N, C-alpha and C. Protein backbone atom coordinates (compact mmCIF):
# COMPACT_ATOMS: atom_id res chain seq x y z
N UNK A 1 0.90 -1.13 0.08
CA UNK A 1 0.00 0.10 0.02
C UNK A 1 0.83 1.06 0.03
N UNK A 2 0.55 2.28 -0.63
CA UNK A 2 1.20 3.45 -0.66
C UNK A 2 1.07 4.22 0.34
N UNK A 3 2.14 4.94 0.76
CA UNK A 3 2.17 5.86 1.92
C UNK A 3 1.29 7.24 1.48
N UNK A 4 0.43 7.41 2.43
CA UNK A 4 -0.48 8.85 2.43
C UNK A 4 -0.11 9.71 3.38
N UNK A 5 0.85 10.53 3.32
CA UNK A 5 1.27 11.47 4.39
C UNK A 5 0.23 12.60 4.51
N UNK A 6 -0.61 12.97 3.45
CA UNK A 6 -1.37 14.16 3.37
C UNK A 6 -2.77 13.84 3.69
N UNK A 7 -3.47 14.98 4.47
CA UNK A 7 -4.78 14.84 4.69
C UNK A 7 -5.56 15.96 4.22
N UNK A 8 -6.87 15.77 3.66
CA UNK A 8 -7.53 16.93 3.21
C UNK A 8 -9.10 16.76 3.87
N UNK A 9 -9.21 17.76 4.30
CA UNK A 9 -10.61 17.96 5.04
C UNK A 9 -11.50 18.89 4.26
N UNK A 10 -12.89 18.55 3.97
CA UNK A 10 -13.64 19.42 3.48
C UNK A 10 -15.12 19.14 3.84
N UNK A 11 -15.83 20.10 3.81
CA UNK A 11 -17.33 20.02 4.36
C UNK A 11 -18.22 19.54 3.19
N UNK A 12 -19.22 18.79 3.49
CA UNK A 12 -20.37 18.46 2.76
C UNK A 12 -21.47 18.50 3.37
N UNK A 13 -22.81 18.38 2.76
CA UNK A 13 -24.26 18.51 3.49
C UNK A 13 -24.21 16.91 3.91
N UNK A 14 -25.35 16.87 4.83
CA UNK A 14 -25.52 15.35 5.22
C UNK A 14 -26.09 14.48 4.07
N UNK A 15 -26.83 15.26 3.13
CA UNK A 15 -27.22 14.24 1.82
C UNK A 15 -25.98 14.16 0.97
N UNK A 16 -24.98 14.88 0.80
CA UNK A 16 -23.66 14.52 -0.12
C UNK A 16 -22.87 13.50 0.68
N UNK A 17 -22.90 13.55 1.94
CA UNK A 17 -22.21 12.90 2.74
C UNK A 17 -22.65 11.18 2.72
N UNK A 18 -23.88 11.20 2.60
CA UNK A 18 -24.63 10.08 2.56
C UNK A 18 -24.39 9.27 1.21
N UNK A 19 -24.57 10.19 0.05
CA UNK A 19 -24.47 9.68 -1.11
C UNK A 19 -23.00 9.11 -1.44
N UNK A 20 -22.13 9.92 -0.91
CA UNK A 20 -20.82 9.55 -1.27
C UNK A 20 -20.39 8.22 -0.43
N UNK A 21 -20.93 8.19 0.93
CA UNK A 21 -20.70 6.89 1.58
C UNK A 21 -21.35 5.62 0.88
N UNK A 22 -22.59 5.82 0.58
CA UNK A 22 -23.34 4.68 -0.11
C UNK A 22 -22.42 4.53 -1.52
N UNK A 23 -22.01 5.37 -2.19
CA UNK A 23 -21.36 4.94 -3.55
C UNK A 23 -20.19 4.24 -3.25
N UNK A 24 -19.50 4.73 -2.37
CA UNK A 24 -18.11 4.25 -1.94
C UNK A 24 -18.41 2.62 -1.56
N UNK A 25 -19.41 2.34 -0.72
CA UNK A 25 -19.76 1.10 -0.13
C UNK A 25 -20.24 0.26 -1.14
N UNK A 26 -20.99 0.74 -2.17
CA UNK A 26 -21.42 -0.20 -3.35
C UNK A 26 -20.28 -0.39 -4.22
N UNK A 27 -19.11 0.41 -4.11
CA UNK A 27 -18.14 0.18 -5.09
C UNK A 27 -16.92 -0.78 -4.43
N UNK A 28 -17.33 -1.19 -3.21
CA UNK A 28 -16.28 -1.96 -2.40
C UNK A 28 -15.08 -1.00 -2.11
N UNK A 29 -15.09 0.00 -2.10
CA UNK A 29 -14.04 1.01 -1.84
C UNK A 29 -14.12 1.79 -0.44
N UNK A 30 -13.02 2.25 0.10
CA UNK A 30 -13.23 2.99 1.19
C UNK A 30 -13.54 4.31 0.74
N UNK A 31 -14.12 5.37 1.42
CA UNK A 31 -14.29 6.56 0.95
C UNK A 31 -13.26 7.28 0.51
N UNK A 32 -12.20 7.31 1.01
CA UNK A 32 -10.91 7.99 0.54
C UNK A 32 -10.83 7.38 -0.75
N UNK A 33 -10.60 6.01 -0.97
CA UNK A 33 -10.30 5.48 -2.34
C UNK A 33 -11.32 5.94 -3.16
N UNK A 34 -12.44 5.87 -2.98
CA UNK A 34 -13.58 6.36 -4.00
C UNK A 34 -13.50 7.81 -4.34
N UNK A 35 -13.13 8.67 -3.31
CA UNK A 35 -12.93 10.09 -3.74
C UNK A 35 -11.72 10.41 -4.51
N UNK A 36 -10.56 9.45 -4.21
CA UNK A 36 -9.32 9.80 -4.93
C UNK A 36 -9.51 9.24 -6.50
N UNK A 37 -10.28 8.18 -6.53
CA UNK A 37 -10.56 7.57 -7.95
C UNK A 37 -11.55 8.57 -8.80
N UNK A 38 -12.42 9.17 -7.98
CA UNK A 38 -13.38 10.18 -8.77
C UNK A 38 -12.46 11.42 -9.11
N UNK A 39 -11.73 11.81 -8.33
CA UNK A 39 -10.88 13.05 -8.62
C UNK A 39 -10.02 12.77 -9.93
N UNK A 40 -9.39 11.79 -9.98
CA UNK A 40 -8.41 11.44 -10.96
C UNK A 40 -9.17 10.51 -12.23
N UNK A 41 -10.47 10.62 -12.28
CA UNK A 41 -11.25 10.09 -13.44
C UNK A 41 -10.91 8.61 -13.61
N UNK A 42 -10.51 7.83 -12.46
CA UNK A 42 -10.37 6.37 -12.71
C UNK A 42 -11.60 5.80 -12.54
N UNK A 43 -11.82 4.60 -13.28
CA UNK A 43 -13.03 3.92 -13.50
C UNK A 43 -13.47 3.39 -12.23
N UNK A 44 -14.83 3.43 -11.77
CA UNK A 44 -15.26 2.82 -10.58
C UNK A 44 -16.35 2.05 -11.16
N UNK A 45 -16.18 0.51 -10.63
CA UNK A 45 -16.97 -0.23 -11.02
C UNK A 45 -18.03 -0.72 -9.88
N UNK A 46 -19.08 -0.75 -10.08
CA UNK A 46 -20.25 -1.12 -9.15
C UNK A 46 -20.91 -2.38 -9.51
N UNK A 47 -20.67 -3.52 -8.72
CA UNK A 47 -21.41 -4.70 -8.99
C UNK A 47 -22.40 -4.92 -8.00
N UNK A 48 -23.67 -4.99 -8.47
CA UNK A 48 -24.71 -5.20 -7.63
C UNK A 48 -25.26 -6.71 -7.82
N UNK A 49 -26.17 -6.96 -6.77
CA UNK A 49 -26.50 -8.56 -6.61
C UNK A 49 -25.67 -9.69 -6.32
N UNK A 50 -24.41 -9.11 -5.94
CA UNK A 50 -23.31 -10.45 -5.61
C UNK A 50 -23.79 -11.10 -4.62
N UNK A 51 -24.47 -10.65 -3.54
CA UNK A 51 -24.84 -11.30 -2.27
C UNK A 51 -25.87 -12.36 -2.69
N UNK A 52 -26.83 -12.09 -3.48
CA UNK A 52 -27.88 -13.22 -4.05
C UNK A 52 -27.21 -14.31 -4.82
N UNK A 53 -26.01 -13.77 -5.53
CA UNK A 53 -25.30 -14.72 -6.26
C UNK A 53 -24.64 -15.64 -5.27
N UNK A 54 -24.04 -15.11 -4.55
CA UNK A 54 -23.30 -15.96 -3.24
C UNK A 54 -24.22 -16.83 -2.61
N UNK A 55 -25.25 -16.42 -2.28
CA UNK A 55 -26.56 -17.26 -1.65
C UNK A 55 -26.72 -18.49 -2.49
N UNK A 56 -26.93 -18.08 -3.79
CA UNK A 56 -27.37 -19.18 -4.77
C UNK A 56 -26.04 -20.28 -4.63
N UNK A 57 -24.87 -19.75 -4.85
CA UNK A 57 -23.69 -20.90 -4.96
C UNK A 57 -23.64 -21.47 -3.71
N UNK A 58 -23.67 -20.94 -2.56
CA UNK A 58 -23.44 -21.39 -1.28
C UNK A 58 -24.78 -22.61 -1.15
N UNK A 59 -25.98 -22.37 -1.55
CA UNK A 59 -27.25 -23.47 -1.48
C UNK A 59 -26.67 -24.61 -2.40
N UNK A 60 -26.15 -24.37 -3.67
CA UNK A 60 -25.66 -25.34 -4.55
C UNK A 60 -24.79 -26.40 -3.86
N UNK A 61 -23.77 -25.58 -3.40
CA UNK A 61 -22.57 -26.28 -2.48
C UNK A 61 -23.08 -27.13 -1.41
N UNK A 62 -24.10 -26.45 -0.62
CA UNK A 62 -24.71 -27.25 0.57
C UNK A 62 -25.45 -28.45 0.04
N UNK A 63 -26.28 -28.45 -1.03
CA UNK A 63 -26.92 -29.34 -1.56
C UNK A 63 -25.94 -30.65 -2.13
N UNK A 64 -24.86 -30.27 -2.73
CA UNK A 64 -23.96 -31.23 -3.05
C UNK A 64 -23.20 -31.91 -1.95
N UNK A 65 -22.98 -31.22 -1.01
CA UNK A 65 -22.32 -31.97 0.24
C UNK A 65 -23.37 -32.97 1.01
N UNK A 66 -24.70 -32.37 0.97
CA UNK A 66 -25.59 -33.32 1.58
C UNK A 66 -25.79 -34.66 0.72
N UNK A 67 -25.59 -34.52 -0.74
CA UNK A 67 -25.84 -35.51 -1.46
C UNK A 67 -24.63 -36.61 -1.26
N UNK A 68 -23.35 -35.98 -1.31
CA UNK A 68 -22.17 -36.74 -1.09
C UNK A 68 -22.21 -37.49 0.33
N UNK A 69 -22.69 -36.68 1.25
CA UNK A 69 -22.79 -37.43 2.56
C UNK A 69 -23.80 -38.72 2.48
N UNK A 70 -24.89 -38.53 2.00
CA UNK A 70 -26.09 -39.64 1.78
C UNK A 70 -25.44 -40.68 0.83
N UNK A 71 -24.70 -40.40 -0.17
CA UNK A 71 -24.11 -41.42 -1.05
C UNK A 71 -22.95 -42.13 -0.18
N UNK A 72 -22.18 -41.49 0.65
CA UNK A 72 -21.03 -42.16 1.50
C UNK A 72 -21.66 -43.00 2.49
N UNK A 73 -23.02 -42.68 2.96
CA UNK A 73 -23.54 -43.55 3.94
C UNK A 73 -24.52 -44.59 3.23
N UNK A 74 -24.30 -44.75 2.05
CA UNK A 74 -24.89 -45.66 1.32
C UNK A 74 -26.64 -45.60 1.41
N UNK A 75 -26.95 -44.33 1.75
CA UNK A 75 -28.43 -44.14 1.66
C UNK A 75 -28.87 -43.89 0.23
N UNK A 76 -28.11 -43.44 -0.51
CA UNK A 76 -28.46 -43.30 -2.17
C UNK A 76 -27.39 -44.04 -2.97
N UNK A 77 -27.94 -44.35 -3.97
CA UNK A 77 -27.02 -45.16 -5.11
C UNK A 77 -26.76 -44.26 -6.37
N UNK A 78 -27.80 -43.47 -6.73
CA UNK A 78 -27.61 -42.80 -7.83
C UNK A 78 -28.32 -41.57 -7.60
N UNK A 79 -27.72 -40.35 -8.06
CA UNK A 79 -28.01 -38.92 -7.82
C UNK A 79 -28.22 -38.27 -9.28
N UNK A 80 -29.45 -37.59 -9.51
CA UNK A 80 -29.68 -36.90 -10.50
C UNK A 80 -29.25 -35.43 -10.51
N UNK A 81 -27.95 -35.31 -11.05
CA UNK A 81 -27.46 -33.88 -10.83
C UNK A 81 -27.75 -32.85 -11.85
N UNK A 82 -28.83 -33.33 -12.74
CA UNK A 82 -29.13 -32.22 -13.89
C UNK A 82 -29.53 -30.95 -13.24
N UNK A 83 -30.31 -30.81 -12.28
CA UNK A 83 -30.86 -29.60 -11.65
C UNK A 83 -29.69 -28.71 -11.14
N UNK A 84 -28.69 -29.52 -10.50
CA UNK A 84 -27.42 -28.69 -9.99
C UNK A 84 -26.57 -28.42 -11.27
N UNK A 85 -26.56 -29.07 -12.40
CA UNK A 85 -25.83 -28.48 -13.39
C UNK A 85 -26.31 -27.25 -14.06
N UNK A 86 -27.95 -27.32 -14.02
CA UNK A 86 -28.63 -26.05 -14.44
C UNK A 86 -28.27 -24.92 -13.75
N UNK A 87 -28.38 -25.00 -12.35
CA UNK A 87 -28.26 -23.96 -11.45
C UNK A 87 -26.87 -23.30 -11.52
N UNK A 88 -25.82 -24.24 -11.72
CA UNK A 88 -24.39 -23.96 -11.70
C UNK A 88 -24.10 -23.20 -13.13
N UNK A 89 -24.72 -23.66 -14.16
CA UNK A 89 -24.86 -22.76 -15.41
C UNK A 89 -25.20 -21.62 -15.55
N UNK A 90 -26.42 -21.36 -14.73
CA UNK A 90 -27.01 -20.05 -14.43
C UNK A 90 -26.00 -19.09 -13.68
N UNK A 91 -25.53 -19.67 -12.81
CA UNK A 91 -24.47 -18.85 -11.87
C UNK A 91 -23.23 -18.61 -12.85
N UNK A 92 -22.68 -19.47 -13.58
CA UNK A 92 -21.66 -19.38 -14.51
C UNK A 92 -22.03 -18.20 -15.47
N UNK A 93 -23.09 -18.14 -15.90
CA UNK A 93 -23.53 -17.19 -16.93
C UNK A 93 -23.60 -15.67 -16.14
N UNK A 94 -24.16 -15.68 -15.13
CA UNK A 94 -24.06 -14.42 -14.39
C UNK A 94 -22.64 -13.93 -14.17
N UNK A 95 -21.92 -14.57 -13.37
CA UNK A 95 -20.55 -14.38 -13.22
C UNK A 95 -19.80 -13.96 -14.62
N UNK A 96 -19.98 -14.63 -15.62
CA UNK A 96 -19.17 -14.27 -16.91
C UNK A 96 -19.81 -12.98 -17.18
N UNK A 97 -20.98 -12.65 -17.14
CA UNK A 97 -21.49 -11.14 -17.46
C UNK A 97 -20.89 -10.19 -16.56
N UNK A 98 -20.79 -10.46 -15.23
CA UNK A 98 -19.93 -9.52 -14.35
C UNK A 98 -18.80 -9.36 -14.74
N UNK A 99 -17.92 -10.46 -15.01
CA UNK A 99 -16.47 -10.21 -15.60
C UNK A 99 -16.56 -9.22 -16.75
N UNK A 100 -17.23 -9.48 -17.80
CA UNK A 100 -17.22 -8.70 -18.92
C UNK A 100 -17.42 -7.27 -18.48
N UNK A 101 -18.27 -7.15 -17.69
CA UNK A 101 -18.61 -5.40 -17.20
C UNK A 101 -17.40 -5.03 -16.41
N UNK A 102 -16.74 -5.73 -15.72
CA UNK A 102 -15.53 -5.35 -14.92
C UNK A 102 -14.40 -5.10 -15.89
N UNK A 103 -14.19 -5.94 -16.76
CA UNK A 103 -13.19 -5.85 -17.68
C UNK A 103 -13.38 -4.71 -18.73
N UNK A 104 -14.63 -4.48 -18.96
CA UNK A 104 -14.97 -3.58 -19.99
C UNK A 104 -15.29 -4.02 -21.32
């Protein structure tokens, strides 16, 4: 991390503060990094809906773990993984689209 020996203080309204804070949070940046990038016209990428995607991915993983446990306990002999493949394909498509947006 680069050294930042200088400090800048400036005043904003409550609404301006809230907006800057929200935009920084949505960008996964600190307020300092968000403001610096904004000042130097650096690209700021905001990716929405990642939490929902992570929930879906976690659910698929949990289902696979449950199926694996049951197979190892010999409670199941054959497992239909087609729904899992479909859900993973949907997640992959969403991740690929996000990656395209991030890379420009």
